[in-house]
Each structure stands twice: as structure tokens, then as C-alpha cells.
């Protein structure tokens, strides 16, 4: 019985880990873990999830067995809504049809290893997302093309720094600095016209939209601790982008006397 409960707990934790490291809201992760444990007839489940950790206790209320508590640390997070949706569907499927723990674990492993979008497609997508946002701000076609190519470079640079496991502040500082430097250069060589619109549209791919959205949803669902953590993450990202842009612009003005 001990072994069975441990395996079920490992399955539930694995599902929660996949969701949390791919950007799911904490209340959704807690709900998924509880659903999976209840599907295997574990009557007592307590789940507490933060953006960086999962804490779960299970007990079948039988005096002959001990309660189990498991803690899982989540160090690296990204965004993959497809995997979140797949695990969400998996937990609901368990409530209506029986799967062995081994079958469930195999399904989760296949979800965890689902391929992401091709790298080239993501790079080009980043370029179009930034440049079209510039048009909404009133950017010219010269600014449009400048923003497109600057966003490509930012995405490649930030992805490279991310693979080095650097922290959020460094990644976004570098992204902001590249946006400001290339925007100034593009205007000085007459490729772009409006520095402000080029910079704003170029850094749109760095703006923590998912973190802000998840923070609000966590607040609304009563997950105040997670909401505060997500808000702090969004603020740190916003400040690091601003510091990167401001550092380059101030340095340029100090050296050349103006932009």
C-alpha cells in the first residue's frame, strides 16, 4: 500500500511539475494534483503550490499506513500552453476512465517531451509580433522593418543567455540594452525614423504579459502568496528592461552629447 501511494503521489507531482514549469497558474496546478489523487481513491490530499515549489501531503486515513509528504523544487520555468492543456485534459480523463499509474506516467512523459515550435519559426514570430505592435503605435514602415530585425536579434541573444541559466534580470537587461543600442544606430544610419517607437515595439517580446496575467488570476482565486510572487517577477522583468534601455541611452548621450 505504501508503494502504491508513493507511486500515485509521484504521478500527481509529475503532472504538477510539468504544468508549473510551463507557466500554469498555481491554483490550476493544485487542482490538477488533487484531481489525480482523488481519481486513485486517496481521500485526503493537501496541495500547496508556489511559482517555485510544490508541496503535497496524502493520507488514506487508515491507521495502518503513514501519511506521505513530497516537496518538488521548480527552478526553471518557461511558457508552453500546449503542455498545460494536455496535462489538464489528462487529469480530467482520469476522473472518468481508469488508467494504471504506469500508463499515466507514460502519458505524462510523452507530454513532457512534446516538441516545441521550430526555433526559426519562433524567431520570425518574435520579429513580426514586435514590428506589427509598432504599427499600432504609429510607427512608419522604416520603423516597422527596423523593429522586425532588432526583435530577431533580441530573441536570439536572450535565448542564448537563457541557455546559460542566467537569471531574469540579466536576460532582460541584455534585451533592453540591445533594443536601445540598435534603435539608436538604425536612426543614425537612416534606416529608422522614430527611436521611441522602435524601442517600445522591439521590447514587446520581453514584456512579462503571462506573469502579469497569472498574478491577477492567482489573486482572484485567493492564491495571495503566488500572486505576490508573480507580481514581483513581473516588476523585476520590467525594471531590468528599463535599466537596460536607460543605461545604453545615457551612455550614448554622455559620449556623443545627444541621440
Foldseek 3Di string as FASTA:
>chain_A
DVVQVVLLQVLLVLLLLLQLQQQHFQVLSQVLSVLSCVLVPFPDKDWDDASFKIWIWTDNPDPVDDIDIDMDGHQHHHHDVVLNVQSSVLSVVSNPDPDGSVRSVVSSVCSSPDDDPDPVVVLQVQLQQLLVVLVVVVFDVLLSVLLSVLLSVLVVQLVVVVVVVDDLLVSLLVSLLSQQVSLVVCVVVPSGPDSVSSSVSSCPVQQPPSLQVSLVVCVVVPVPNNSVVSVVVRVSSVVSSVNSNVVNQVVCCVVVVHD
